Amino acid sequence: MDKVMRLASEKDVVVFSKSSCCLCYAITILFQELGVTSTVHEIDQDPEGREMEKTLVSLGCNAPVPAIFVGGRLVGSTNEVMSLHLSGGLIPMLKPYQTWC
């Protein structure tokens, strides 16, 4: 758990991903289009990936990837991010981290 929380808090917007996950890719593209640079950690490329996956599920992610953290706080997975975006809550949450305003 320590590694996941450390990585999640090192940067403003963090996505835990798998290199073959199309939903992970879609989330990173969404963030790019919203002017946010996210840090992506490919857990399938990490020797501790399985343990990280278990940690993400134990933190409350419905699926281990994508797992999105904003400001060190778990937002959730694709469903939570897209629900926030459709309800108008995602952009205000990301505003402090946008590279353009």
PDB file of N, CA and C in Angstrom:
ATOM      1  N   MET A   1       0.826  -1.201   0.000  1.00  0.00           N
ATOM      2  CA  MET A   1       0.000   0.000   0.000  1.00  0.00           C
ATOM      3  C   MET A   1       0.861   1.252   0.000  1.00  0.00           C
ATOM      4  N   ASP A   2       2.006   1.157   0.664  1.00  0.00           N
ATOM      5  CA  ASP A   2       2.880   2.326   0.753  1.00  0.00           C
ATOM      6  C   ASP A   2       3.319   2.823  -0.618  1.00  0.00           C
ATOM      7  N   LYS A   3       3.659   1.894  -1.513  1.00  0.00           N
ATOM      8  CA  LYS A   3       4.141   2.301  -2.830  1.00  0.00           C
ATOM      9  C   LYS A   3       3.035   3.008  -3.608  1.00  0.00           C
ATOM     10  N   VAL A   4       1.833   2.461  -3.594  1.00  0.00           N
ATOM     11  CA  VAL A   4       0.713   3.078  -4.315  1.00  0.00           C
ATOM     12  C   VAL A   4       0.450   4.474  -3.772  1.00  0.00           C
ATOM     13  N   MET A   5       0.378   4.616  -2.472  1.00  0.00           N
ATOM     14  CA  MET A   5       0.081   5.930  -1.884  1.00  0.00           C
ATOM     15  C   MET A   5       1.219   6.922  -2.126  1.00  0.00           C
ATOM     16  N   ARG A   6       2.446   6.439  -2.104  1.00  0.00           N
ATOM     17  CA  ARG A   6       3.588   7.320  -2.383  1.00  0.00           C
ATOM     18  C   ARG A   6       3.531   7.817  -3.827  1.00  0.00           C
ATOM     19  N   LEU A   7       3.328   6.900  -4.763  1.00  0.00           N
ATOM     20  CA  LEU A   7       3.247   7.289  -6.172  1.00  0.00           C
ATOM     21  C   LEU A   7       2.048   8.200  -6.432  1.00  0.00           C
ATOM     22  N   ALA A   8       0.942   7.909  -5.778  1.00  0.00           N
ATOM     23  CA  ALA A   8      -0.285   8.693  -5.987  1.00  0.00           C
ATOM     24  C   ALA A   8      -0.140  10.120  -5.479  1.00  0.00           C
ATOM     25  N   SER A   9       0.714  10.319  -4.499  1.00  0.00           N
ATOM     26  CA  SER A   9       0.852  11.657  -3.924  1.00  0.00           C
ATOM     27  C   SER A   9       2.051  12.433  -4.470  1.00  0.00           C
ATOM     28  N   GLU A  10       2.892  11.786  -5.283  1.00  0.00           N
ATOM     29  CA  GLU A  10       4.079  12.462  -5.816  1.00  0.00           C
ATOM     30  C   GLU A  10       3.738  13.494  -6.884  1.00  0.00           C
ATOM     31  N   LYS A  11       2.673  13.274  -7.624  1.00  0.00           N
ATOM     32  CA  LYS A  11       2.279  14.172  -8.714  1.00  0.00           C
ATOM     33  C   LYS A  11       0.819  14.577  -8.523  1.00  0.00           C
ATOM     34  N   ASP A  12       0.412  15.627  -9.227  1.00  0.00           N
ATOM     35  CA  ASP A  12      -0.946  16.161  -9.060  1.00  0.00           C
ATOM     36  C   ASP A  12      -2.038  15.214  -9.540  1.00  0.00           C
ATOM     37  N   VAL A  13      -1.862  14.669 -10.742  1.00  0.00           N
ATOM     38  CA  VAL A  13      -2.857  13.765 -11.322  1.00  0.00           C
ATOM     39  C   VAL A  13      -2.131  12.487 -11.720  1.00  0.00           C
ATOM     40  N   VAL A  14      -2.562  11.367 -11.128  1.00  0.00           N
ATOM     41  CA  VAL A  14      -1.885  10.082 -11.324  1.00  0.00           C
ATOM     42  C   VAL A  14      -2.892   9.050 -11.798  1.00  0.00           C
ATOM     43  N   VAL A  15      -2.492   8.295 -12.819  1.00  0.00           N
ATOM     44  CA  VAL A  15      -3.320   7.214 -13.339  1.00  0.00           C
ATOM     45  C   VAL A  15      -2.526   5.918 -13.222  1.00  0.00           C
ATOM     46  N   PHE A  16      -3.081   4.948 -12.514  1.00  0.00           N
ATOM     47  CA  PHE A  16      -2.499   3.608 -12.490  1.00  0.00           C
ATOM     48  C   PHE A  16      -3.178   2.861 -13.620  1.00  0.00           C
ATOM     49  N   SER A  17      -2.359   2.261 -14.481  1.00  0.00           N
ATOM     50  CA  SER A  17      -2.827   1.744 -15.742  1.00  0.00           C
ATOM     51  C   SER A  17      -2.193   0.393 -16.036  1.00  0.00           C
ATOM     52  N   LYS A  18      -2.670  -0.235 -17.094  1.00  0.00           N
ATOM     53  CA  LYS A  18      -1.998  -1.378 -17.704  1.00  0.00           C
ATOM     54  C   LYS A  18      -1.797  -1.018 -19.165  1.00  0.00           C
ATOM     55  N   SER A  19      -0.680  -1.420 -19.709  1.00  0.00           N
ATOM     56  CA  SER A  19      -0.323  -1.004 -21.065  1.00  0.00           C
ATOM     57  C   SER A  19      -1.320  -1.460 -22.115  1.00  0.00           C
ATOM     58  N   SER A  20      -2.084  -2.504 -21.850  1.00  0.00           N
ATOM     59  CA  SER A  20      -3.053  -3.010 -22.833  1.00  0.00           C
ATOM     60  C   SER A  20      -4.477  -2.524 -22.580  1.00  0.00           C
ATOM     61  N   CYS A  21      -4.673  -1.620 -21.634  1.00  0.00           N
ATOM     62  CA  CYS A  21      -6.017  -1.201 -21.222  1.00  0.00           C
ATOM     63  C   CYS A  21      -6.503  -0.003 -22.045  1.00  0.00           C
ATOM     64  N   CYS A  22      -7.538  -0.224 -22.854  1.00  0.00           N
ATOM     65  CA  CYS A  22      -8.055   0.860 -23.698  1.00  0.00           C
ATOM     66  C   CYS A  22      -8.774   1.930 -22.871  1.00  0.00           C
ATOM     67  N   LEU A  23      -9.392   1.571 -21.761  1.00  0.00           N
ATOM     68  CA  LEU A  23     -10.048   2.562 -20.905  1.00  0.00           C
ATOM     69  C   LEU A  23      -9.016   3.458 -20.220  1.00  0.00           C
ATOM     70  N   CYS A  24      -7.884   2.894 -19.883  1.00  0.00           N
ATOM     71  CA  CYS A  24      -6.791   3.683 -19.300  1.00  0.00           C
ATOM     72  C   CYS A  24      -6.320   4.722 -20.307  1.00  0.00           C
ATOM     73  N   TYR A  25      -6.169   4.292 -21.540  1.00  0.00           N
ATOM     74  CA  TYR A  25      -5.751   5.199 -22.607  1.00  0.00           C
ATOM     75  C   TYR A  25      -6.784   6.307 -22.795  1.00  0.00           C
ATOM     76  N   ALA A  26      -8.058   5.945 -22.782  1.00  0.00           N
ATOM     77  CA  ALA A  26      -9.129   6.938 -22.955  1.00  0.00           C
ATOM     78  C   ALA A  26      -9.094   7.989 -21.846  1.00  0.00           C
ATOM     79  N   ILE A  27      -8.838   7.577 -20.621  1.00  0.00           N
ATOM     80  CA  ILE A  27      -8.770   8.524 -19.503  1.00  0.00           C
ATOM     81  C   ILE A  27      -7.587   9.473 -19.672  1.00  0.00           C
ATOM     82  N   THR A  28      -6.434   8.952 -20.073  1.00  0.00           N
ATOM     83  CA  THR A  28      -5.278   9.835 -20.246  1.00  0.00           C
ATOM     84  C   THR A  28      -5.512  10.824 -21.391  1.00  0.00           C
ATOM     85  N   ILE A  29      -6.189  10.398 -22.447  1.00  0.00           N
ATOM     86  CA  ILE A  29      -6.517  11.308 -23.551  1.00  0.00           C
ATOM     87  C   ILE A  29      -7.512  12.362 -23.079  1.00  0.00           C
ATOM     88  N   LEU A  30      -8.499  11.970 -22.292  1.00  0.00           N
ATOM     89  CA  LEU A  30      -9.459  12.931 -21.738  1.00  0.00           C
ATOM     90  C   LEU A  30      -8.723  14.005 -20.936  1.00  0.00           C
ATOM     91  N   PHE A  31      -7.815  13.586 -20.075  1.00  0.00           N
ATOM     92  CA  PHE A  31      -7.058  14.550 -19.279  1.00  0.00           C
ATOM     93  C   PHE A  31      -6.241  15.480 -20.180  1.00  0.00           C
ATOM     94  N   GLN A  32      -5.614  14.926 -21.210  1.00  0.00           N
ATOM     95  CA  GLN A  32      -4.845  15.763 -22.148  1.00  0.00           C
ATOM     96  C   GLN A  32      -5.747  16.804 -22.792  1.00  0.00           C
ATOM     97  N   GLU A  33      -6.932  16.378 -23.215  1.00  0.00           N
ATOM     98  CA  GLU A  33      -7.863  17.303 -23.863  1.00  0.00           C
ATOM     99  C   GLU A  33      -8.375  18.373 -22.901  1.00  0.00           C
ATOM    100  N   LEU A  34      -8.350  18.071 -21.604  1.00  0.00           N
ATOM    101  CA  LEU A  34      -8.763  19.042 -20.594  1.00  0.00           C
ATOM    102  C   LEU A  34      -7.589  19.889 -20.098  1.00  0.00           C
ATOM    103  N   GLY A  35      -6.416  19.699 -20.711  1.00  0.00           N
ATOM    104  CA  GLY A  35      -5.256  20.508 -20.365  1.00  0.00           C
ATOM    105  C   GLY A  35      -4.516  20.059 -19.127  1.00  0.00           C
ATOM    106  N   VAL A  36      -4.643  18.789 -18.783  1.00  0.00           N
ATOM    107  CA  VAL A  36      -4.008  18.258 -17.575  1.00  0.00           C
ATOM    108  C   VAL A  36      -2.986  17.201 -17.978  1.00  0.00           C
ATOM    109  N   THR A  37      -1.790  17.336 -17.445  1.00  0.00           N
ATOM    110  CA  THR A  37      -0.762  16.323 -17.660  1.00  0.00           C
ATOM    111  C   THR A  37      -0.836  15.331 -16.516  1.00  0.00           C
ATOM    112  N   SER A  38      -1.145  14.092 -16.858  1.00  0.00           N
ATOM    113  CA  SER A  38      -1.219  13.065 -15.822  1.00  0.00           C
ATOM    114  C   SER A  38       0.040  12.213 -15.859  1.00  0.00           C
ATOM    115  N   THR A  39       0.404  11.717 -14.714  1.00  0.00           N
ATOM    116  CA  THR A  39       1.503  10.767 -14.601  1.00  0.00           C
ATOM    117  C   THR A  39       0.893   9.380 -14.633  1.00  0.00           C
ATOM    118  N   VAL A  40       1.365   8.558 -15.552  1.00  0.00           N
ATOM    119  CA  VAL A  40       0.809   7.215 -15.729  1.00  0.00           C
ATOM    120  C   VAL A  40       1.805   6.187 -15.220  1.00  0.00           C
ATOM    121  N   HIS A  41       1.325   5.311 -14.356  1.00  0.00           N
ATOM    122  CA  HIS A  41       2.129   4.192 -13.855  1.00  0.00           C
ATOM    123  C   HIS A  41       1.535   2.912 -14.414  1.00  0.00           C
ATOM    124  N   GLU A  42       2.279   2.253 -15.291  1.00  0.00           N
ATOM    125  CA  GLU A  42       1.845   0.994 -15.895  1.00  0.00           C
ATOM    126  C   GLU A  42       2.166  -0.141 -14.921  1.00  0.00           C
ATOM    127  N   ILE A  43       1.152  -0.605 -14.213  1.00  0.00           N
ATOM    128  CA  ILE A  43       1.434  -1.593 -13.171  1.00  0.00           C
ATOM    129  C   ILE A  43       1.801  -2.956 -13.741  1.00  0.00           C
ATOM    130  N   ASP A  44       1.440  -3.220 -14.999  1.00  0.00           N
ATOM    131  CA  ASP A  44       1.855  -4.492 -15.596  1.00  0.00           C
ATOM    132  C   ASP A  44       3.337  -4.474 -15.979  1.00  0.00           C
ATOM    133  N   GLN A  45       3.972  -3.326 -15.900  1.00  0.00           N
ATOM    134  CA  GLN A  45       5.402  -3.203 -16.182  1.00  0.00           C
ATOM    135  C   GLN A  45       6.221  -3.107 -14.900  1.00  0.00           C
ATOM    136  N   ASP A  46       5.542  -3.126 -13.766  1.00  0.00           N
ATOM    137  CA  ASP A  46       6.199  -2.969 -12.470  1.00  0.00           C
ATOM    138  C   ASP A  46       6.329  -4.344 -11.798  1.00  0.00           C
ATOM    139  N   PRO A  47       7.506  -4.664 -11.270  1.00  0.00           N
ATOM    140  CA  PRO A  47       7.678  -5.952 -10.595  1.00  0.00           C
ATOM    141  C   PRO A  47       6.712  -6.148  -9.417  1.00  0.00           C
ATOM    142  N   GLU A  48       6.248  -5.057  -8.825  1.00  0.00           N
ATOM    143  CA  GLU A  48       5.306  -5.139  -7.708  1.00  0.00           C
ATOM    144  C   GLU A  48       3.863  -4.919  -8.166  1.00  0.00           C
ATOM    145  N   GLY A  49       3.631  -5.073  -9.458  1.00  0.00           N
ATOM    146  CA  GLY A  49       2.325  -4.778 -10.040  1.00  0.00           C
ATOM    147  C   GLY A  49       1.157  -5.540  -9.425  1.00  0.00           C
ATOM    148  N   ARG A  50       1.328  -6.806  -9.181  1.00  0.00           N
ATOM    149  CA  ARG A  50       0.233  -7.611  -8.596  1.00  0.00           C
ATOM    150  C   ARG A  50      -0.160  -7.083  -7.215  1.00  0.00           C
ATOM    151  N   GLU A  51       0.839  -6.760  -6.427  1.00  0.00           N
ATOM    152  CA  GLU A  51       0.570  -6.212  -5.094  1.00  0.00           C
ATOM    153  C   GLU A  51      -0.097  -4.842  -5.200  1.00  0.00           C
ATOM    154  N   MET A  52       0.339  -4.037  -6.156  1.00  0.00           N
ATOM    155  CA  MET A  52      -0.258  -2.719  -6.375  1.00  0.00           C
ATOM    156  C   MET A  52      -1.725  -2.870  -6.788  1.00  0.00           C
ATOM    157  N   GLU A  53      -1.993  -3.854  -7.634  1.00  0.00           N
ATOM    158  CA  GLU A  53      -3.362  -4.130  -8.075  1.00  0.00           C
ATOM    159  C   GLU A  53      -4.260  -4.465  -6.875  1.00  0.00           C
ATOM    160  N   LYS A  54      -3.776  -5.314  -5.997  1.00  0.00           N
ATOM    161  CA  LYS A  54      -4.533  -5.678  -4.790  1.00  0.00           C
ATOM    162  C   LYS A  54      -4.780  -4.453  -3.919  1.00  0.00           C
ATOM    163  N   THR A  55      -3.773  -3.611  -3.798  1.00  0.00           N
ATOM    164  CA  THR A  55      -3.911  -2.388  -3.001  1.00  0.00           C
ATOM    165  C   THR A  55      -4.980  -1.484  -3.580  1.00  0.00           C
ATOM    166  N   LEU A  56      -4.975  -1.296  -4.888  1.00  0.00           N
ATOM    167  CA  LEU A  56      -5.964  -0.428  -5.529  1.00  0.00           C
ATOM    168  C   LEU A  56      -7.384  -0.932  -5.296  1.00  0.00           C
ATOM    169  N   VAL A  57      -7.579  -2.248  -5.370  1.00  0.00           N
ATOM    170  CA  VAL A  57      -8.897  -2.819  -5.098  1.00  0.00           C
ATOM    171  C   VAL A  57      -9.268  -2.611  -3.633  1.00  0.00           C
ATOM    172  N   SER A  58      -8.311  -2.794  -2.743  1.00  0.00           N
ATOM    173  CA  SER A  58      -8.604  -2.623  -1.316  1.00  0.00           C
ATOM    174  C   SER A  58      -8.913  -1.167  -0.964  1.00  0.00           C
ATOM    175  N   LEU A  59      -8.400  -0.236  -1.776  1.00  0.00           N
ATOM    176  CA  LEU A  59      -8.700   1.185  -1.549  1.00  0.00           C
ATOM    177  C   LEU A  59     -10.099   1.566  -2.020  1.00  0.00           C
ATOM    178  N   GLY A  60     -10.725   0.670  -2.795  1.00  0.00           N
ATOM    179  CA  GLY A  60     -12.098   0.932  -3.224  1.00  0.00           C
ATOM    180  C   GLY A  60     -12.314   1.041  -4.708  1.00  0.00           C
ATOM    181  N   CYS A  61     -11.309   0.749  -5.501  1.00  0.00           N
ATOM    182  CA  CYS A  61     -11.497   0.768  -6.955  1.00  0.00           C
ATOM    183  C   CYS A  61     -12.328  -0.441  -7.366  1.00  0.00           C
ATOM    184  N   ASN A  62     -13.348  -0.195  -8.179  1.00  0.00           N
ATOM    185  CA  ASN A  62     -14.166  -1.301  -8.681  1.00  0.00           C
ATOM    186  C   ASN A  62     -13.325  -2.238  -9.538  1.00  0.00           C
ATOM    187  N   ALA A  63     -12.487  -1.654 -10.349  1.00  0.00           N
ATOM    188  CA  ALA A  63     -11.523  -2.399 -11.155  1.00  0.00           C
ATOM    189  C   ALA A  63     -10.156  -1.820 -10.808  1.00  0.00           C
ATOM    190  N   PRO A  64      -9.120  -2.637 -10.829  1.00  0.00           N
ATOM    191  CA  PRO A  64      -7.815  -2.113 -10.428  1.00  0.00           C
ATOM    192  C   PRO A  64      -7.274  -1.030 -11.350  1.00  0.00           C
ATOM    193  N   VAL A  65      -7.631  -1.073 -12.628  1.00  0.00           N
ATOM    194  CA  VAL A  65      -7.191  -0.038 -13.565  1.00  0.00           C
ATOM    195  C   VAL A  65      -8.338   0.363 -14.476  1.00  0.00           C
ATOM    196  N   PRO A  66      -8.383   1.600 -14.916  1.00  0.00           N
ATOM    197  CA  PRO A  66      -7.544   2.671 -14.423  1.00  0.00           C
ATOM    198  C   PRO A  66      -7.968   3.094 -13.023  1.00  0.00           C
ATOM    199  N   ALA A  67      -7.009   3.476 -12.233  1.00  0.00           N
ATOM    200  CA  ALA A  67      -7.268   4.053 -10.915  1.00  0.00           C
ATOM    201  C   ALA A  67      -6.718   5.467 -10.948  1.00  0.00           C
ATOM    202  N   ILE A  68      -7.589   6.441 -10.717  1.00  0.00           N
ATOM    203  CA  ILE A  68      -7.223   7.840 -10.882  1.00  0.00           C
ATOM    204  C   ILE A  68      -7.161   8.535  -9.536  1.00  0.00           C
ATOM    205  N   PHE A  69      -6.044   9.221  -9.308  1.00  0.00           N
ATOM    206  CA  PHE A  69      -5.841  10.017  -8.109  1.00  0.00           C
ATOM    207  C   PHE A  69      -5.646  11.471  -8.533  1.00  0.00           C
ATOM    208  N   VAL A  70      -6.320  12.371  -7.849  1.00  0.00           N
ATOM    209  CA  VAL A  70      -6.160  13.802  -8.101  1.00  0.00           C
ATOM    210  C   VAL A  70      -5.801  14.450  -6.768  1.00  0.00           C
ATOM    211  N   GLY A  71      -4.681  15.130  -6.743  1.00  0.00           N
ATOM    212  CA  GLY A  71      -4.229  15.748  -5.511  1.00  0.00           C
ATOM    213  C   GLY A  71      -3.989  14.743  -4.398  1.00  0.00           C
ATOM    214  N   GLY A  72      -3.552  13.539  -4.777  1.00  0.00           N
ATOM    215  CA  GLY A  72      -3.283  12.492  -3.793  1.00  0.00           C
ATOM    216  C   GLY A  72      -4.508  11.762  -3.290  1.00  0.00           C
ATOM    217  N   ARG A  73      -5.683  12.126  -3.801  1.00  0.00           N
ATOM    218  CA  ARG A  73      -6.941  11.520  -3.341  1.00  0.00           C
ATOM    219  C   ARG A  73      -7.508  10.629  -4.434  1.00  0.00           C
ATOM    220  N   LEU A  74      -7.941   9.435  -4.052  1.00  0.00           N
ATOM    221  CA  LEU A  74      -8.532   8.506  -5.013  1.00  0.00           C
ATOM    222  C   LEU A  74      -9.858   9.048  -5.514  1.00  0.00           C
ATOM    223  N   VAL A  75      -9.955   9.223  -6.837  1.00  0.00           N
ATOM    224  CA  VAL A  75     -11.216   9.616  -7.464  1.00  0.00           C
ATOM    225  C   VAL A  75     -11.996   8.375  -7.831  1.00  0.00           C
ATOM    226  N   GLY A  76     -11.301   7.365  -8.328  1.00  0.00           N
ATOM    227  CA  GLY A  76     -11.951   6.112  -8.697  1.00  0.00           C
ATOM    228  C   GLY A  76     -11.441   5.618 -10.034  1.00  0.00           C
ATOM    229  N   SER A  77     -12.322   4.912 -10.724  1.00  0.00           N
ATOM    230  CA  SER A  77     -11.978   4.329 -12.005  1.00  0.00           C
ATOM    231  C   SER A  77     -12.713   5.075 -13.119  1.00  0.00           C
ATOM    232  N   THR A  78     -12.826   4.461 -14.261  1.00  0.00           N
ATOM    233  CA  THR A  78     -13.449   5.104 -15.424  1.00  0.00           C
ATOM    234  C   THR A  78     -14.856   5.586 -15.127  1.00  0.00           C
ATOM    235  N   ASN A  79     -15.666   4.753 -14.487  1.00  0.00           N
ATOM    236  CA  ASN A  79     -17.062   5.130 -14.210  1.00  0.00           C
ATOM    237  C   ASN A  79     -17.161   6.399 -13.379  1.00  0.00           C
ATOM    238  N   GLU A  80     -16.356   6.495 -12.337  1.00  0.00           N
ATOM    239  CA  GLU A  80     -16.401   7.666 -11.469  1.00  0.00           C
ATOM    240  C   GLU A  80     -15.922   8.927 -12.195  1.00  0.00           C
ATOM    241  N   VAL A  81     -14.851   8.792 -12.972  1.00  0.00           N
ATOM    242  CA  VAL A  81     -14.315   9.949 -13.697  1.00  0.00           C
ATOM    243  C   VAL A  81     -15.318  10.425 -14.744  1.00  0.00           C
ATOM    244  N   MET A  82     -15.885   9.506 -15.497  1.00  0.00           N
ATOM    245  CA  MET A  82     -16.837   9.896 -16.536  1.00  0.00           C
ATOM    246  C   MET A  82     -18.122  10.456 -15.931  1.00  0.00           C
ATOM    247  N   SER A  83     -18.577   9.907 -14.818  1.00  0.00           N
ATOM    248  CA  SER A  83     -19.757  10.454 -14.133  1.00  0.00           C
ATOM    249  C   SER A  83     -19.492  11.874 -13.661  1.00  0.00           C
ATOM    250  N   LEU A  84     -18.311  12.098 -13.099  1.00  0.00           N
ATOM    251  CA  LEU A  84     -17.934  13.452 -12.681  1.00  0.00           C
ATOM    252  C   LEU A  84     -17.901  14.397 -13.873  1.00  0.00           C
ATOM    253  N   HIS A  85     -17.359  13.922 -14.978  1.00  0.00           N
ATOM    254  CA  HIS A  85     -17.248  14.766 -16.174  1.00  0.00           C
ATOM    255  C   HIS A  85     -18.639  15.116 -16.718  1.00  0.00           C
ATOM    256  N   LEU A  86     -19.517  14.131 -16.790  1.00  0.00           N
ATOM    257  CA  LEU A  86     -20.867  14.371 -17.323  1.00  0.00           C
ATOM    258  C   LEU A  86     -21.704  15.256 -16.407  1.00  0.00           C
ATOM    259  N   SER A  87     -21.434  15.193 -15.112  1.00  0.00           N
ATOM    260  CA  SER A  87     -22.194  16.012 -14.161  1.00  0.00           C
ATOM    261  C   SER A  87     -21.575  17.396 -13.961  1.00  0.00           C
ATOM    262  N   GLY A  88     -20.436  17.652 -14.606  1.00  0.00           N
ATOM    263  CA  GLY A  88     -19.797  18.957 -14.499  1.00  0.00           C
ATOM    264  C   GLY A  88     -18.835  19.095 -13.334  1.00  0.00           C
ATOM    265  N   GLY A  89     -18.518  18.010 -12.669  1.00  0.00           N
ATOM    266  CA  GLY A  89     -17.647  18.091 -11.495  1.00  0.00           C
ATOM    267  C   GLY A  89     -16.178  17.847 -11.766  1.00  0.00           C
ATOM    268  N   LEU A  90     -15.850  17.301 -12.927  1.00  0.00           N
ATOM    269  CA  LEU A  90     -14.455  16.948 -13.190  1.00  0.00           C
ATOM    270  C   LEU A  90     -13.595  18.171 -13.486  1.00  0.00           C
ATOM    271  N   ILE A  91     -14.074  19.052 -14.332  1.00  0.00           N
ATOM    272  CA  ILE A  91     -13.257  20.218 -14.718  1.00  0.00           C
ATOM    273  C   ILE A  91     -12.914  21.094 -13.513  1.00  0.00           C
ATOM    274  N   PRO A  92     -13.865  21.418 -12.630  1.00  0.00           N
ATOM    275  CA  PRO A  92     -13.474  22.191 -11.441  1.00  0.00           C
ATOM    276  C   PRO A  92     -12.440  21.464 -10.564  1.00  0.00           C
ATOM    277  N   MET A  93     -12.551  20.142 -10.495  1.00  0.00           N
ATOM    278  CA  MET A  93     -11.599  19.363  -9.708  1.00  0.00           C
ATOM    279  C   MET A  93     -10.196  19.444 -10.315  1.00  0.00           C
ATOM    280  N   LEU A  94     -10.134  19.462 -11.649  1.00  0.00           N
ATOM    281  CA  LEU A  94      -8.852  19.475 -12.346  1.00  0.00           C
ATOM    282  C   LEU A  94      -8.288  20.872 -12.582  1.00  0.00           C
ATOM    283  N   LYS A  95      -9.105  21.901 -12.390  1.00  0.00           N
ATOM    284  CA  LYS A  95      -8.703  23.274 -12.706  1.00  0.00           C
ATOM    285  C   LYS A  95      -7.349  23.668 -12.112  1.00  0.00           C
ATOM    286  N   PRO A  96      -7.057  23.336 -10.838  1.00  0.00           N
ATOM    287  CA  PRO A  96      -5.746  23.724 -10.287  1.00  0.00           C
ATOM    288  C   PRO A  96      -4.559  23.053 -11.001  1.00  0.00           C
ATOM    289  N   TYR A  97      -4.834  21.995 -11.753  1.00  0.00           N
ATOM    290  CA  TYR A  97      -3.764  21.223 -12.375  1.00  0.00           C
ATOM    291  C   TYR A  97      -3.690  21.424 -13.882  1.00  0.00           C
ATOM    292  N   GLN A  98      -4.550  22.288 -14.425  1.00  0.00           N
ATOM    293  CA  GLN A  98      -4.528  22.526 -15.868  1.00  0.00           C
ATOM    294  C   GLN A  98      -3.300  23.346 -16.236  1.00  0.00           C
ATOM    295  N   THR A  99      -2.719  22.992 -17.390  1.00  0.00           N
ATOM    296  CA  THR A  99      -1.556  23.731 -17.875  1.00  0.00           C
ATOM    297  C   THR A  99      -1.977  24.964 -18.652  1.00  0.00           C
ATOM    298  N   TRP A 100      -3.232  25.050 -19.035  1.00  0.00           N
ATOM    299  CA  TRP A 100      -3.805  26.234 -19.673  1.00  0.00           C
ATOM    300  C   TRP A 100      -5.126  26.531 -19.002  1.00  0.00           C
ATOM    301  N   CYS A 101      -5.494  27.773 -18.914  1.00  0.00           N
ATOM    302  CA  CYS A 101      -6.747  28.129 -18.245  1.00  0.00           C
ATOM    303  C   CYS A 101      -7.633  28.949 -19.135  1.00  0.00           C
TER     304      CYS A 101
END
